[in-house]
Amino acid sequence: MTLYPFSRIRNVILAEYLDRVEPIRQKYLHDDHCGSRCPCHRNPILEEQFKVSRYEDYQKEIDPIHTKMMGLLEQARGAQCQR
């Protein structure tokens, strides 16, 4: 069995995390939702409400991925300490 340095394992896990998160992040960008004629671009209160509701939806999709990847990092760090 080949043992890899933690930094290499961490980089692989982080790359996988970014590959999974980036499409979700792109989906929730404000400008993807509406064009410049959207009233929320002219009304700061509406824009802020929109950002908050979109952020909550974004977090719901990201949290399971984040939890899984952090668990993998902890396992890798634990395996590194046992060597």
PDB file of N, CA and C in Angstrom:
ATOM      1  N   MET A   1       0.849  -1.175   0.000  1.00  0.00           N
ATOM      2  CA  MET A   1       0.000   0.000   0.000  1.00  0.00           C
ATOM      3  C   MET A   1       0.897   1.241   0.000  1.00  0.00           C
ATOM      4  N   THR A   2       0.600   2.163  -0.897  1.00  0.00           N
ATOM      5  CA  THR A   2       1.384   3.388  -1.009  1.00  0.00           C
ATOM      6  C   THR A   2       0.816   4.446  -0.064  1.00  0.00           C
ATOM      7  N   LEU A   3       1.689   5.068   0.699  1.00  0.00           N
ATOM      8  CA  LEU A   3       1.279   6.159   1.573  1.00  0.00           C
ATOM      9  C   LEU A   3       1.665   7.481   0.924  1.00  0.00           C
ATOM     10  N   TYR A   4       0.714   8.363   0.813  1.00  0.00           N
ATOM     11  CA  TYR A   4       0.948   9.669   0.210  1.00  0.00           C
ATOM     12  C   TYR A   4       1.026  10.726   1.297  1.00  0.00           C
ATOM     13  N   PRO A   5       1.794  11.784   1.064  1.00  0.00           N
ATOM     14  CA  PRO A   5       1.849  12.868   2.054  1.00  0.00           C
ATOM     15  C   PRO A   5       0.474  13.536   2.179  1.00  0.00           C
ATOM     16  N   PHE A   6       0.188  14.033   3.367  1.00  0.00           N
ATOM     17  CA  PHE A   6      -1.102  14.660   3.627  1.00  0.00           C
ATOM     18  C   PHE A   6      -1.374  15.811   2.661  1.00  0.00           C
ATOM     19  N   SER A   7      -0.359  16.591   2.323  1.00  0.00           N
ATOM     20  CA  SER A   7      -0.571  17.738   1.435  1.00  0.00           C
ATOM     21  C   SER A   7      -1.096  17.292   0.072  1.00  0.00           C
ATOM     22  N   ARG A   8      -0.626  16.167  -0.400  1.00  0.00           N
ATOM     23  CA  ARG A   8      -1.098  15.656  -1.691  1.00  0.00           C
ATOM     24  C   ARG A   8      -2.552  15.174  -1.587  1.00  0.00           C
ATOM     25  N   ILE A   9      -2.865  14.487  -0.521  1.00  0.00           N
ATOM     26  CA  ILE A   9      -4.236  14.019  -0.298  1.00  0.00           C
ATOM     27  C   ILE A   9      -5.172  15.217  -0.144  1.00  0.00           C
ATOM     28  N   ARG A  10      -4.730  16.207   0.620  1.00  0.00           N
ATOM     29  CA  ARG A  10      -5.536  17.413   0.816  1.00  0.00           C
ATOM     30  C   ARG A  10      -5.831  18.094  -0.513  1.00  0.00           C
ATOM     31  N   ASN A  11      -4.826  18.198  -1.374  1.00  0.00           N
ATOM     32  CA  ASN A  11      -5.022  18.852  -2.669  1.00  0.00           C
ATOM     33  C   ASN A  11      -6.021  18.097  -3.538  1.00  0.00           C
ATOM     34  N   VAL A  12      -5.989  16.787  -3.494  1.00  0.00           N
ATOM     35  CA  VAL A  12      -6.944  15.975  -4.270  1.00  0.00           C
ATOM     36  C   VAL A  12      -8.364  16.186  -3.735  1.00  0.00           C
ATOM     37  N   ILE A  13      -8.511  16.176  -2.411  1.00  0.00           N
ATOM     38  CA  ILE A  13      -9.834  16.366  -1.803  1.00  0.00           C
ATOM     39  C   ILE A  13     -10.357  17.770  -2.112  1.00  0.00           C
ATOM     40  N   LEU A  14      -9.518  18.778  -1.999  1.00  0.00           N
ATOM     41  CA  LEU A  14      -9.955  20.138  -2.288  1.00  0.00           C
ATOM     42  C   LEU A  14     -10.320  20.322  -3.753  1.00  0.00           C
ATOM     43  N   ALA A  15      -9.590  19.698  -4.651  1.00  0.00           N
ATOM     44  CA  ALA A  15      -9.921  19.767  -6.080  1.00  0.00           C
ATOM     45  C   ALA A  15     -11.286  19.135  -6.338  1.00  0.00           C
ATOM     46  N   GLU A  16     -11.536  18.004  -5.707  1.00  0.00           N
ATOM     47  CA  GLU A  16     -12.843  17.340  -5.845  1.00  0.00           C
ATOM     48  C   GLU A  16     -13.946  18.226  -5.285  1.00  0.00           C
ATOM     49  N   TYR A  17     -13.690  18.856  -4.151  1.00  0.00           N
ATOM     50  CA  TYR A  17     -14.663  19.766  -3.537  1.00  0.00           C
ATOM     51  C   TYR A  17     -15.006  20.907  -4.491  1.00  0.00           C
ATOM     52  N   LEU A  18     -13.979  21.520  -5.056  1.00  0.00           N
ATOM     53  CA  LEU A  18     -14.219  22.633  -5.981  1.00  0.00           C
ATOM     54  C   LEU A  18     -14.949  22.182  -7.238  1.00  0.00           C
ATOM     55  N   ASP A  19     -14.643  20.997  -7.723  1.00  0.00           N
ATOM     56  CA  ASP A  19     -15.346  20.463  -8.894  1.00  0.00           C
ATOM     57  C   ASP A  19     -16.830  20.282  -8.618  1.00  0.00           C
ATOM     58  N   ARG A  20     -17.167  19.917  -7.402  1.00  0.00           N
ATOM     59  CA  ARG A  20     -18.575  19.700  -7.054  1.00  0.00           C
ATOM     60  C   ARG A  20     -19.293  20.997  -6.710  1.00  0.00           C
ATOM     61  N   VAL A  21     -18.581  21.936  -6.103  1.00  0.00           N
ATOM     62  CA  VAL A  21     -19.204  23.162  -5.619  1.00  0.00           C
ATOM     63  C   VAL A  21     -19.351  24.219  -6.711  1.00  0.00           C
ATOM     64  N   GLU A  22     -18.425  24.306  -7.608  1.00  0.00           N
ATOM     65  CA  GLU A  22     -18.438  25.379  -8.612  1.00  0.00           C
ATOM     66  C   GLU A  22     -19.728  25.408  -9.441  1.00  0.00           C
ATOM     67  N   PRO A  23     -20.229  24.278  -9.942  1.00  0.00           N
ATOM     68  CA  PRO A  23     -21.490  24.352 -10.697  1.00  0.00           C
ATOM     69  C   PRO A  23     -22.658  24.871  -9.849  1.00  0.00           C
ATOM     70  N   ILE A  24     -22.669  24.513  -8.572  1.00  0.00           N
ATOM     71  CA  ILE A  24     -23.726  24.995  -7.674  1.00  0.00           C
ATOM     72  C   ILE A  24     -23.558  26.494  -7.455  1.00  0.00           C
ATOM     73  N   ARG A  25     -22.326  26.932  -7.250  1.00  0.00           N
ATOM     74  CA  ARG A  25     -22.067  28.363  -7.049  1.00  0.00           C
ATOM     75  C   ARG A  25     -22.511  29.168  -8.267  1.00  0.00           C
ATOM     76  N   GLN A  26     -22.190  28.661  -9.439  1.00  0.00           N
ATOM     77  CA  GLN A  26     -22.574  29.347 -10.678  1.00  0.00           C
ATOM     78  C   GLN A  26     -24.090  29.467 -10.795  1.00  0.00           C
ATOM     79  N   LYS A  27     -24.796  28.441 -10.331  1.00  0.00           N
ATOM     80  CA  LYS A  27     -26.253  28.439 -10.417  1.00  0.00           C
ATOM     81  C   LYS A  27     -26.874  29.550  -9.575  1.00  0.00           C
ATOM     82  N   TYR A  28     -26.214  29.922  -8.484  1.00  0.00           N
ATOM     83  CA  TYR A  28     -26.783  30.898  -7.564  1.00  0.00           C
ATOM     84  C   TYR A  28     -26.227  32.311  -7.724  1.00  0.00           C
ATOM     85  N   LEU A  29     -25.456  32.553  -8.750  1.00  0.00           N
ATOM     86  CA  LEU A  29     -24.990  33.920  -8.969  1.00  0.00           C
ATOM     87  C   LEU A  29     -26.182  34.820  -9.281  1.00  0.00           C
ATOM     88  N   HIS A  30     -26.205  35.985  -8.726  1.00  0.00           N
ATOM     89  CA  HIS A  30     -27.348  36.890  -8.883  1.00  0.00           C
ATOM     90  C   HIS A  30     -27.603  37.257 -10.341  1.00  0.00           C
ATOM     91  N   ASP A  31     -26.578  37.553 -11.077  1.00  0.00           N
ATOM     92  CA  ASP A  31     -26.757  37.994 -12.458  1.00  0.00           C
ATOM     93  C   ASP A  31     -27.299  36.895 -13.358  1.00  0.00           C
ATOM     94  N   ASP A  32     -27.138  35.634 -12.957  1.00  0.00           N
ATOM     95  CA  ASP A  32     -27.719  34.548 -13.738  1.00  0.00           C
ATOM     96  C   ASP A  32     -29.234  34.519 -13.592  1.00  0.00           C
ATOM     97  N   HIS A  33     -29.713  35.015 -12.486  1.00  0.00           N
ATOM     98  CA  HIS A  33     -31.149  34.970 -12.209  1.00  0.00           C
ATOM     99  C   HIS A  33     -31.921  35.990 -13.045  1.00  0.00           C
ATOM    100  N   CYS A  34     -31.394  37.184 -13.156  1.00  0.00           N
ATOM    101  CA  CYS A  34     -32.174  38.235 -13.798  1.00  0.00           C
ATOM    102  C   CYS A  34     -31.256  39.187 -14.548  1.00  0.00           C
ATOM    103  N   GLY A  35     -31.818  39.913 -15.445  1.00  0.00           N
ATOM    104  CA  GLY A  35     -31.051  40.875 -16.231  1.00  0.00           C
ATOM    105  C   GLY A  35     -30.998  42.227 -15.542  1.00  0.00           C
ATOM    106  N   SER A  36     -30.413  43.187 -16.193  1.00  0.00           N
ATOM    107  CA  SER A  36     -30.250  44.515 -15.598  1.00  0.00           C
ATOM    108  C   SER A  36     -31.583  45.247 -15.440  1.00  0.00           C
ATOM    109  N   ARG A  37     -32.635  44.787 -16.116  1.00  0.00           N
ATOM    110  CA  ARG A  37     -33.957  45.435 -15.993  1.00  0.00           C
ATOM    111  C   ARG A  37     -34.737  44.928 -14.778  1.00  0.00           C
ATOM    112  N   CYS A  38     -34.221  43.938 -14.114  1.00  0.00           N
ATOM    113  CA  CYS A  38     -34.899  43.386 -12.939  1.00  0.00           C
ATOM    114  C   CYS A  38     -35.038  44.480 -11.872  1.00  0.00           C
ATOM    115  N   PRO A  39     -36.204  44.604 -11.226  1.00  0.00           N
ATOM    116  CA  PRO A  39     -36.396  45.657 -10.225  1.00  0.00           C
ATOM    117  C   PRO A  39     -35.457  45.536  -9.026  1.00  0.00           C
ATOM    118  N   CYS A  40     -34.955  44.328  -8.759  1.00  0.00           N
ATOM    119  CA  CYS A  40     -34.091  44.205  -7.582  1.00  0.00           C
ATOM    120  C   CYS A  40     -32.740  44.892  -7.801  1.00  0.00           C
ATOM    121  N   HIS A  41     -32.389  45.229  -9.048  1.00  0.00           N
ATOM    122  CA  HIS A  41     -31.164  45.996  -9.280  1.00  0.00           C
ATOM    123  C   HIS A  41     -31.369  47.473  -8.959  1.00  0.00           C
ATOM    124  N   ARG A  42     -32.640  47.884  -8.943  1.00  0.00           N
ATOM    125  CA  ARG A  42     -32.932  49.292  -8.661  1.00  0.00           C
ATOM    126  C   ARG A  42     -33.369  49.510  -7.221  1.00  0.00           C
ATOM    127  N   ASN A  43     -33.684  48.429  -6.509  1.00  0.00           N
ATOM    128  CA  ASN A  43     -34.169  48.535  -5.142  1.00  0.00           C
ATOM    129  C   ASN A  43     -33.234  47.745  -4.220  1.00  0.00           C
ATOM    130  N   PRO A  44     -32.407  48.448  -3.441  1.00  0.00           N
ATOM    131  CA  PRO A  44     -31.430  47.751  -2.584  1.00  0.00           C
ATOM    132  C   PRO A  44     -32.057  46.791  -1.573  1.00  0.00           C
ATOM    133  N   ILE A  45     -33.253  47.093  -1.084  1.00  0.00           N
ATOM    134  CA  ILE A  45     -33.895  46.203  -0.105  1.00  0.00           C
ATOM    135  C   ILE A  45     -34.291  44.893  -0.773  1.00  0.00           C
ATOM    136  N   LEU A  46     -34.887  44.967  -1.959  1.00  0.00           N
ATOM    137  CA  LEU A  46     -35.247  43.752  -2.684  1.00  0.00           C
ATOM    138  C   LEU A  46     -34.005  42.946  -3.040  1.00  0.00           C
ATOM    139  N   GLU A  47     -32.955  43.639  -3.443  1.00  0.00           N
ATOM    140  CA  GLU A  47     -31.723  42.946  -3.808  1.00  0.00           C
ATOM    141  C   GLU A  47     -31.150  42.205  -2.611  1.00  0.00           C
ATOM    142  N   GLU A  48     -31.171  42.836  -1.449  1.00  0.00           N
ATOM    143  CA  GLU A  48     -30.635  42.200  -0.246  1.00  0.00           C
ATOM    144  C   GLU A  48     -31.480  40.990   0.150  1.00  0.00           C
ATOM    145  N   GLN A  49     -32.813  41.120   0.072  1.00  0.00           N
ATOM    146  CA  GLN A  49     -33.686  39.985   0.382  1.00  0.00           C
ATOM    147  C   GLN A  49     -33.415  38.829  -0.569  1.00  0.00           C
ATOM    148  N   PHE A  50     -33.207  39.152  -1.824  1.00  0.00           N
ATOM    149  CA  PHE A  50     -32.916  38.130  -2.818  1.00  0.00           C
ATOM    150  C   PHE A  50     -31.618  37.411  -2.482  1.00  0.00           C
ATOM    151  N   LYS A  51     -30.595  38.173  -2.154  1.00  0.00           N
ATOM    152  CA  LYS A  51     -29.298  37.578  -1.833  1.00  0.00           C
ATOM    153  C   LYS A  51     -29.405  36.643  -0.626  1.00  0.00           C
ATOM    154  N   VAL A  52     -30.151  37.051   0.393  1.00  0.00           N
ATOM    155  CA  VAL A  52     -30.286  36.235   1.598  1.00  0.00           C
ATOM    156  C   VAL A  52     -31.006  34.931   1.277  1.00  0.00           C
ATOM    157  N   SER A  53     -32.110  35.003   0.540  1.00  0.00           N
ATOM    158  CA  SER A  53     -32.859  33.777   0.242  1.00  0.00           C
ATOM    159  C   SER A  53     -32.048  32.860  -0.670  1.00  0.00           C
ATOM    160  N   ARG A  54     -31.338  33.423  -1.632  1.00  0.00           N
ATOM    161  CA  ARG A  54     -30.510  32.610  -2.509  1.00  0.00           C
ATOM    162  C   ARG A  54     -29.349  31.995  -1.732  1.00  0.00           C
ATOM    163  N   TYR A  55     -28.780  32.735  -0.791  1.00  0.00           N
ATOM    164  CA  TYR A  55     -27.665  32.213  -0.009  1.00  0.00           C
ATOM    165  C   TYR A  55     -28.110  31.029   0.843  1.00  0.00           C
ATOM    166  N   GLU A  56     -29.313  31.113   1.415  1.00  0.00           N
ATOM    167  CA  GLU A  56     -29.821  30.003   2.226  1.00  0.00           C
ATOM    168  C   GLU A  56     -29.996  28.750   1.371  1.00  0.00           C
ATOM    169  N   ASP A  57     -30.535  28.912   0.155  1.00  0.00           N
ATOM    170  CA  ASP A  57     -30.679  27.777  -0.767  1.00  0.00           C
ATOM    171  C   ASP A  57     -29.314  27.210  -1.145  1.00  0.00           C
ATOM    172  N   TYR A  58     -28.388  28.112  -1.397  1.00  0.00           N
ATOM    173  CA  TYR A  58     -27.019  27.727  -1.757  1.00  0.00           C
ATOM    174  C   TYR A  58     -26.390  26.902  -0.631  1.00  0.00           C
ATOM    175  N   GLN A  59     -26.544  27.383   0.603  1.00  0.00           N
ATOM    176  CA  GLN A  59     -25.980  26.679   1.756  1.00  0.00           C
ATOM    177  C   GLN A  59     -26.568  25.285   1.910  1.00  0.00           C
ATOM    178  N   LYS A  60     -27.865  25.131   1.651  1.00  0.00           N
ATOM    179  CA  LYS A  60     -28.502  23.820   1.764  1.00  0.00           C
ATOM    180  C   LYS A  60     -27.890  22.820   0.791  1.00  0.00           C
ATOM    181  N   GLU A  61     -27.489  23.287  -0.387  1.00  0.00           N
ATOM    182  CA  GLU A  61     -26.878  22.386  -1.366  1.00  0.00           C
ATOM    183  C   GLU A  61     -25.409  22.129  -1.072  1.00  0.00           C
ATOM    184  N   ILE A  62     -24.736  23.128  -0.547  1.00  0.00           N
ATOM    185  CA  ILE A  62     -23.292  23.033  -0.311  1.00  0.00           C
ATOM    186  C   ILE A  62     -22.963  22.262   0.970  1.00  0.00           C
ATOM    187  N   ASP A  63     -23.760  22.409   2.009  1.00  0.00           N
ATOM    188  CA  ASP A  63     -23.439  21.816   3.315  1.00  0.00           C
ATOM    189  C   ASP A  63     -23.143  20.310   3.277  1.00  0.00           C
ATOM    190  N   PRO A  64     -23.955  19.479   2.599  1.00  0.00           N
ATOM    191  CA  PRO A  64     -23.623  18.043   2.583  1.00  0.00           C
ATOM    192  C   PRO A  64     -22.265  17.753   1.923  1.00  0.00           C
ATOM    193  N   ILE A  65     -21.963  18.483   0.868  1.00  0.00           N
ATOM    194  CA  ILE A  65     -20.674  18.293   0.186  1.00  0.00           C
ATOM    195  C   ILE A  65     -19.544  18.726   1.110  1.00  0.00           C
ATOM    196  N   HIS A  66     -19.720  19.880   1.745  1.00  0.00           N
ATOM    197  CA  HIS A  66     -18.703  20.410   2.653  1.00  0.00           C
ATOM    198  C   HIS A  66     -18.455  19.444   3.813  1.00  0.00           C
ATOM    199  N   THR A  67     -19.526  18.928   4.398  1.00  0.00           N
ATOM    200  CA  THR A  67     -19.405  17.996   5.517  1.00  0.00           C
ATOM    201  C   THR A  67     -18.646  16.736   5.102  1.00  0.00           C
ATOM    202  N   LYS A  68     -18.986  16.198   3.937  1.00  0.00           N
ATOM    203  CA  LYS A  68     -18.327  14.982   3.459  1.00  0.00           C
ATOM    204  C   LYS A  68     -16.833  15.225   3.222  1.00  0.00           C
ATOM    205  N   MET A  69     -16.502  16.338   2.567  1.00  0.00           N
ATOM    206  CA  MET A  69     -15.096  16.622   2.256  1.00  0.00           C
ATOM    207  C   MET A  69     -14.297  16.912   3.520  1.00  0.00           C
ATOM    208  N   MET A  70     -14.896  17.591   4.487  1.00  0.00           N
ATOM    209  CA  MET A  70     -14.191  17.847   5.741  1.00  0.00           C
ATOM    210  C   MET A  70     -13.956  16.541   6.489  1.00  0.00           C
ATOM    211  N   GLY A  71     -14.911  15.623   6.411  1.00  0.00           N
ATOM    212  CA  GLY A  71     -14.735  14.303   7.024  1.00  0.00           C
ATOM    213  C   GLY A  71     -13.582  13.542   6.389  1.00  0.00           C
ATOM    214  N   LEU A  72     -13.485  13.626   5.060  1.00  0.00           N
ATOM    215  CA  LEU A  72     -12.370  12.971   4.360  1.00  0.00           C
ATOM    216  C   LEU A  72     -11.032  13.588   4.765  1.00  0.00           C
ATOM    217  N   LEU A  73     -11.011  14.921   4.907  1.00  0.00           N
ATOM    218  CA  LEU A  73      -9.767  15.576   5.348  1.00  0.00           C
ATOM    219  C   LEU A  73      -9.376  15.125   6.748  1.00  0.00           C
ATOM    220  N   GLU A  74     -10.352  15.026   7.654  1.00  0.00           N
ATOM    221  CA  GLU A  74     -10.070  14.568   9.014  1.00  0.00           C
ATOM    222  C   GLU A  74      -9.560  13.137   9.028  1.00  0.00           C
ATOM    223  N   GLN A  75     -10.150  12.268   8.194  1.00  0.00           N
ATOM    224  CA  GLN A  75      -9.681  10.882   8.102  1.00  0.00           C
ATOM    225  C   GLN A  75      -8.248  10.834   7.599  1.00  0.00           C
ATOM    226  N   ALA A  76      -7.962  11.640   6.596  1.00  0.00           N
ATOM    227  CA  ALA A  76      -6.606  11.665   6.042  1.00  0.00           C
ATOM    228  C   ALA A  76      -5.609  12.180   7.078  1.00  0.00           C
ATOM    229  N   ARG A  77      -6.003  13.211   7.806  1.00  0.00           N
ATOM    230  CA  ARG A  77      -5.124  13.770   8.838  1.00  0.00           C
ATOM    231  C   ARG A  77      -4.909  12.744   9.951  1.00  0.00           C
ATOM    232  N   GLY A  78      -5.974  12.019  10.326  1.00  0.00           N
ATOM    233  CA  GLY A  78      -5.865  10.985  11.362  1.00  0.00           C
ATOM    234  C   GLY A  78      -4.967   9.852  10.922  1.00  0.00           C
ATOM    235  N   ALA A  79      -5.085   9.437   9.666  1.00  0.00           N
ATOM    236  CA  ALA A  79      -4.232   8.369   9.137  1.00  0.00           C
ATOM    237  C   ALA A  79      -2.782   8.823   9.104  1.00  0.00           C
ATOM    238  N   GLN A  80      -2.569  10.095   8.825  1.00  0.00           N
ATOM    239  CA  GLN A  80      -1.213  10.649   8.765  1.00  0.00           C
ATOM    240  C   GLN A  80      -0.584  10.619  10.161  1.00  0.00           C
ATOM    241  N   CYS A  81      -1.390  10.909  11.190  1.00  0.00           N
ATOM    242  CA  CYS A  81      -0.871  10.931  12.562  1.00  0.00           C
ATOM    243  C   CYS A  81      -0.550   9.527  13.073  1.00  0.00           C
ATOM    244  N   GLN A  82      -1.225   8.511  12.556  1.00  0.00           N
ATOM    245  CA  GLN A  82      -1.013   7.147  13.019  1.00  0.00           C
ATOM    246  C   GLN A  82       0.260   6.532  12.462  1.00  0.00           C
ATOM    247  N   ARG A  83       0.844   7.150  11.456  1.00  0.00           N
ATOM    248  CA  ARG A  83       2.048   6.574  10.856  1.00  0.00           C
ATOM    249  C   ARG A  83       3.206   6.581  11.763  1.00  0.00           C
TER     250      ARG A  83
END
